[in-house]
């Protein structure tokens, strides 16, 4: 039986820098993505401050570092959900700048929104000019 592994993959250098990797595995759904807000500038460099431990679950599964002068990524930007029959959808969680999926735009101005998400479809986080471009990739591994 084939096992599916789902990854969130950067398509631009800025996206890889924001994520801190070329890709991350999505191990559970919903998979929540938002901006890392615990940053400080030290010697001209943006540094992520340590997260405090608490009894509360984090707001996001993946925190992206937005280095722009104008921020594109909201603290609670979007989530990817797995639906029935191997389908997926992207839900904008009320972001300020919106989310582009396959050329269509949802959310922005804190409105939120939902759209179908296919594997390999481009996900632009923020405005249409945002450098933060990703995609969801699905790999099938053959079992023994």
C-alpha atoms as a PDB file:
ATOM      1  CA  UNK A   1       0.000   0.000   0.000  1.00  0.00           C
ATOM      2  CA  UNK A   2       1.299   3.452  -0.919  1.00  0.00           C
ATOM      3  CA  UNK A   3       1.941   5.948   1.864  1.00  0.00           C
ATOM      4  CA  UNK A   4       1.489   9.625   1.016  1.00  0.00           C
ATOM      5  CA  UNK A   5       3.901  12.202   2.395  1.00  0.00           C
ATOM      6  CA  UNK A   6       2.943  15.845   2.044  1.00  0.00           C
ATOM      7  CA  UNK A   7       5.474  18.688   1.995  1.00  0.00           C
ATOM      8  CA  UNK A   8       5.319  22.490   1.980  1.00  0.00           C
ATOM      9  CA  UNK A   9       8.053  23.621  -0.399  1.00  0.00           C
ATOM     10  CA  UNK A  10       9.644  27.021  -1.091  1.00  0.00           C
ATOM     11  CA  UNK A  11       9.697  28.199  -4.723  1.00  0.00           C
ATOM     12  CA  UNK A  12      11.751  31.376  -4.182  1.00  0.00           C
ATOM     13  CA  UNK A  13      14.925  32.158  -2.263  1.00  0.00           C
ATOM     14  CA  UNK A  14      12.955  34.547  -0.050  1.00  0.00           C
ATOM     15  CA  UNK A  15      10.443  31.811   0.759  1.00  0.00           C
ATOM     16  CA  UNK A  16      13.230  29.383   1.707  1.00  0.00           C
ATOM     17  CA  UNK A  17      14.842  32.044   3.916  1.00  0.00           C
ATOM     18  CA  UNK A  18      11.495  32.826   5.560  1.00  0.00           C
ATOM     19  CA  UNK A  19      10.924  29.134   6.260  1.00  0.00           C
ATOM     20  CA  UNK A  20      14.524  28.352   7.202  1.00  0.00           C
ATOM     21  CA  UNK A  21      14.523  25.353   4.833  1.00  0.00           C
ATOM     22  CA  UNK A  22      13.729  24.381   1.246  1.00  0.00           C
ATOM     23  CA  UNK A  23      10.769  22.294   2.410  1.00  0.00           C
ATOM     24  CA  UNK A  24       9.072  20.968   5.524  1.00  0.00           C
ATOM     25  CA  UNK A  25       6.913  17.895   5.915  1.00  0.00           C
ATOM     26  CA  UNK A  26       3.268  18.426   6.795  1.00  0.00           C
ATOM     27  CA  UNK A  27       2.725  15.750   9.419  1.00  0.00           C
ATOM     28  CA  UNK A  28      -0.820  16.665  10.478  1.00  0.00           C
ATOM     29  CA  UNK A  29      -3.804  18.718   9.345  1.00  0.00           C
ATOM     30  CA  UNK A  30      -4.880  21.414   9.612  1.00  0.00           C
ATOM     31  CA  UNK A  31      -1.397  22.802   8.969  1.00  0.00           C
ATOM     32  CA  UNK A  32      -1.315  26.421  10.158  1.00  0.00           C
ATOM     33  CA  UNK A  33       1.133  28.997   8.779  1.00  0.00           C
ATOM     34  CA  UNK A  34       1.834  32.516  10.021  1.00  0.00           C
ATOM     35  CA  UNK A  35       4.448  35.195  10.603  1.00  0.00           C
ATOM     36  CA  UNK A  36       7.105  34.893  13.267  1.00  0.00           C
ATOM     37  CA  UNK A  37       6.417  37.941  15.417  1.00  0.00           C
ATOM     38  CA  UNK A  38       9.011  37.343  18.127  1.00  0.00           C
ATOM     39  CA  UNK A  39      11.897  39.062  16.405  1.00  0.00           C
ATOM     40  CA  UNK A  40      14.412  41.711  17.336  1.00  0.00           C
ATOM     41  CA  UNK A  41      17.075  43.553  15.345  1.00  0.00           C
ATOM     42  CA  UNK A  42      20.569  42.886  16.718  1.00  0.00           C
ATOM     43  CA  UNK A  43      23.576  44.484  14.968  1.00  0.00           C
ATOM     44  CA  UNK A  44      21.417  45.117  11.897  1.00  0.00           C
ATOM     45  CA  UNK A  45      20.267  41.477  11.672  1.00  0.00           C
ATOM     46  CA  UNK A  46      16.735  40.204  12.298  1.00  0.00           C
ATOM     47  CA  UNK A  47      16.949  37.631  15.098  1.00  0.00           C
ATOM     48  CA  UNK A  48      14.189  35.274  16.261  1.00  0.00           C
ATOM     49  CA  UNK A  49      13.726  35.359  20.016  1.00  0.00           C
ATOM     50  CA  UNK A  50      13.208  32.132  21.950  1.00  0.00           C
ATOM     51  CA  UNK A  51       9.609  31.012  22.408  1.00  0.00           C
ATOM     52  CA  UNK A  52       8.390  30.779  25.947  1.00  0.00           C
ATOM     53  CA  UNK A  53       7.060  27.448  27.051  1.00  0.00           C
ATOM     54  CA  UNK A  54       3.405  27.460  27.974  1.00  0.00           C
ATOM     55  CA  UNK A  55       0.468  25.153  28.413  1.00  0.00           C
ATOM     56  CA  UNK A  56      -1.132  26.555  25.260  1.00  0.00           C
ATOM     57  CA  UNK A  57      -0.610  25.082  21.818  1.00  0.00           C
ATOM     58  CA  UNK A  58       1.149  27.442  19.384  1.00  0.00           C
ATOM     59  CA  UNK A  59      -0.997  29.417  16.928  1.00  0.00           C
ATOM     60  CA  UNK A  60       0.948  28.027  13.947  1.00  0.00           C
ATOM     61  CA  UNK A  61       2.702  24.844  12.898  1.00  0.00           C
ATOM     62  CA  UNK A  62       5.098  26.828  10.713  1.00  0.00           C
ATOM     63  CA  UNK A  63       6.352  30.324  11.483  1.00  0.00           C
ATOM     64  CA  UNK A  64       7.676  32.345   8.527  1.00  0.00           C
ATOM     65  CA  UNK A  65      10.125  35.209   8.983  1.00  0.00           C
ATOM     66  CA  UNK A  66       8.965  38.241   6.962  1.00  0.00           C
ATOM     67  CA  UNK A  67      12.006  40.442   6.247  1.00  0.00           C
ATOM     68  CA  UNK A  68      10.148  42.981   4.122  1.00  0.00           C
ATOM     69  CA  UNK A  69       9.823  46.681   4.859  1.00  0.00           C
ATOM     70  CA  UNK A  70       6.089  46.201   4.238  1.00  0.00           C
ATOM     71  CA  UNK A  71       4.891  42.983   5.803  1.00  0.00           C
ATOM     72  CA  UNK A  72       3.179  40.427   3.558  1.00  0.00           C
ATOM     73  CA  UNK A  73       2.692  37.655   6.106  1.00  0.00           C
ATOM     74  CA  UNK A  74       0.120  37.926   8.909  1.00  0.00           C
ATOM     75  CA  UNK A  75       0.679  36.308  12.300  1.00  0.00           C
ATOM     76  CA  UNK A  76      -2.119  33.821  11.583  1.00  0.00           C
ATOM     77  CA  UNK A  77      -2.118  33.817   7.792  1.00  0.00           C
ATOM     78  CA  UNK A  78      -3.570  30.560   6.401  1.00  0.00           C
ATOM     79  CA  UNK A  79      -4.045  26.859   6.968  1.00  0.00           C
ATOM     80  CA  UNK A  80      -4.076  23.811   4.721  1.00  0.00           C
ATOM     81  CA  UNK A  81      -6.802  21.259   5.447  1.00  0.00           C
ATOM     82  CA  UNK A  82      -7.152  17.684   4.224  1.00  0.00           C
ATOM     83  CA  UNK A  83     -10.659  16.889   2.985  1.00  0.00           C
ATOM     84  CA  UNK A  84     -12.375  13.660   1.961  1.00  0.00           C
ATOM     85  CA  UNK A  85     -11.169  11.618  -1.008  1.00  0.00           C
ATOM     86  CA  UNK A  86      -7.619  12.994  -0.982  1.00  0.00           C
ATOM     87  CA  UNK A  87      -8.658  16.586  -1.551  1.00  0.00           C
ATOM     88  CA  UNK A  88      -7.165  19.641   0.112  1.00  0.00           C
ATOM     89  CA  UNK A  89      -8.223  23.216   0.676  1.00  0.00           C
ATOM     90  CA  UNK A  90      -6.518  26.402   1.762  1.00  0.00           C
ATOM     91  CA  UNK A  91      -8.239  28.660   4.282  1.00  0.00           C
ATOM     92  CA  UNK A  92      -7.083  32.267   4.654  1.00  0.00           C
ATOM     93  CA  UNK A  93      -7.326  32.942   8.395  1.00  0.00           C
ATOM     94  CA  UNK A  94      -8.218  36.617   8.062  1.00  0.00           C
ATOM     95  CA  UNK A  95      -4.868  37.845   6.763  1.00  0.00           C
ATOM     96  CA  UNK A  96      -4.278  41.515   5.968  1.00  0.00           C
ATOM     97  CA  UNK A  97      -2.772  40.966   2.482  1.00  0.00           C
ATOM     98  CA  UNK A  98      -4.512  37.782   1.322  1.00  0.00           C
ATOM     99  CA  UNK A  99      -3.268  34.544  -0.202  1.00  0.00           C
ATOM    100  CA  UNK A 100      -2.883  33.634  -3.861  1.00  0.00           C
ATOM    101  CA  UNK A 101      -3.640  30.061  -4.916  1.00  0.00           C
ATOM    102  CA  UNK A 102      -3.083  29.101  -8.536  1.00  0.00           C
ATOM    103  CA  UNK A 103      -3.505  32.718  -9.652  1.00  0.00           C
ATOM    104  CA  UNK A 104      -6.752  33.310  -7.717  1.00  0.00           C
ATOM    105  CA  UNK A 105      -6.807  35.508  -4.614  1.00  0.00           C
ATOM    106  CA  UNK A 106      -8.644  34.900  -1.357  1.00  0.00           C
ATOM    107  CA  UNK A 107      -8.687  36.837   1.892  1.00  0.00           C
ATOM    108  CA  UNK A 108      -7.028  40.151   2.476  1.00  0.00           C
ATOM    109  CA  UNK A 109      -8.306  43.052   4.553  1.00  0.00           C
ATOM    110  CA  UNK A 110      -8.981  40.565   7.376  1.00  0.00           C
ATOM    111  CA  UNK A 111     -11.842  38.914   5.430  1.00  0.00           C
ATOM    112  CA  UNK A 112     -10.563  35.347   5.219  1.00  0.00           C
ATOM    113  CA  UNK A 113     -11.705  32.916   2.553  1.00  0.00           C
ATOM    114  CA  UNK A 114     -11.463  29.330   1.339  1.00  0.00           C
ATOM    115  CA  UNK A 115     -10.394  27.689  -1.921  1.00  0.00           C
ATOM    116  CA  UNK A 116      -9.606  24.240  -3.278  1.00  0.00           C
ATOM    117  CA  UNK A 117      -5.871  23.422  -3.293  1.00  0.00           C
ATOM    118  CA  UNK A 118      -4.253  21.018  -5.743  1.00  0.00           C
ATOM    119  CA  UNK A 119      -0.769  19.596  -5.279  1.00  0.00           C
ATOM    120  CA  UNK A 120       1.900  21.622  -7.098  1.00  0.00           C
ATOM    121  CA  UNK A 121      -0.329  24.720  -7.161  1.00  0.00           C
ATOM    122  CA  UNK A 122       1.506  27.963  -6.417  1.00  0.00           C
ATOM    123  CA  UNK A 123       0.716  29.586  -3.051  1.00  0.00           C
ATOM    124  CA  UNK A 124       1.645  33.282  -2.771  1.00  0.00           C
ATOM    125  CA  UNK A 125       1.622  34.512   0.824  1.00  0.00           C
ATOM    126  CA  UNK A 126       0.697  38.203   0.879  1.00  0.00           C
ATOM    127  CA  UNK A 127       0.168  40.632  -1.977  1.00  0.00           C
ATOM    128  CA  UNK A 128       0.544  39.625  -5.647  1.00  0.00           C
ATOM    129  CA  UNK A 129       4.056  41.167  -5.509  1.00  0.00           C
ATOM    130  CA  UNK A 130       5.073  39.089  -2.471  1.00  0.00           C
ATOM    131  CA  UNK A 131       8.356  37.170  -2.786  1.00  0.00           C
ATOM    132  CA  UNK A 132       6.988  34.417  -0.510  1.00  0.00           C
ATOM    133  CA  UNK A 133       5.918  31.732  -2.976  1.00  0.00           C
ATOM    134  CA  UNK A 134       5.393  28.076  -2.027  1.00  0.00           C
ATOM    135  CA  UNK A 135       3.627  24.925  -3.140  1.00  0.00           C
ATOM    136  CA  UNK A 136       2.278  21.780  -1.533  1.00  0.00           C
ATOM    137  CA  UNK A 137       3.888  18.601  -2.875  1.00  0.00           C
ATOM    138  CA  UNK A 138       2.630  15.032  -2.389  1.00  0.00           C
ATOM    139  CA  UNK A 139       4.944  12.025  -2.692  1.00  0.00           C
ATOM    140  CA  UNK A 140       3.703   8.448  -2.714  1.00  0.00           C
ATOM    141  CA  UNK A 141       6.006   5.865  -1.187  1.00  0.00           C
ATOM    142  CA  UNK A 142       5.419   2.246  -2.057  1.00  0.00           C
ATOM    143  CA  UNK A 143       5.082  -0.004   0.991  1.00  0.00           C
ATOM    144  CA  UNK A 144       6.293  -3.553   1.254  1.00  0.00           C
END
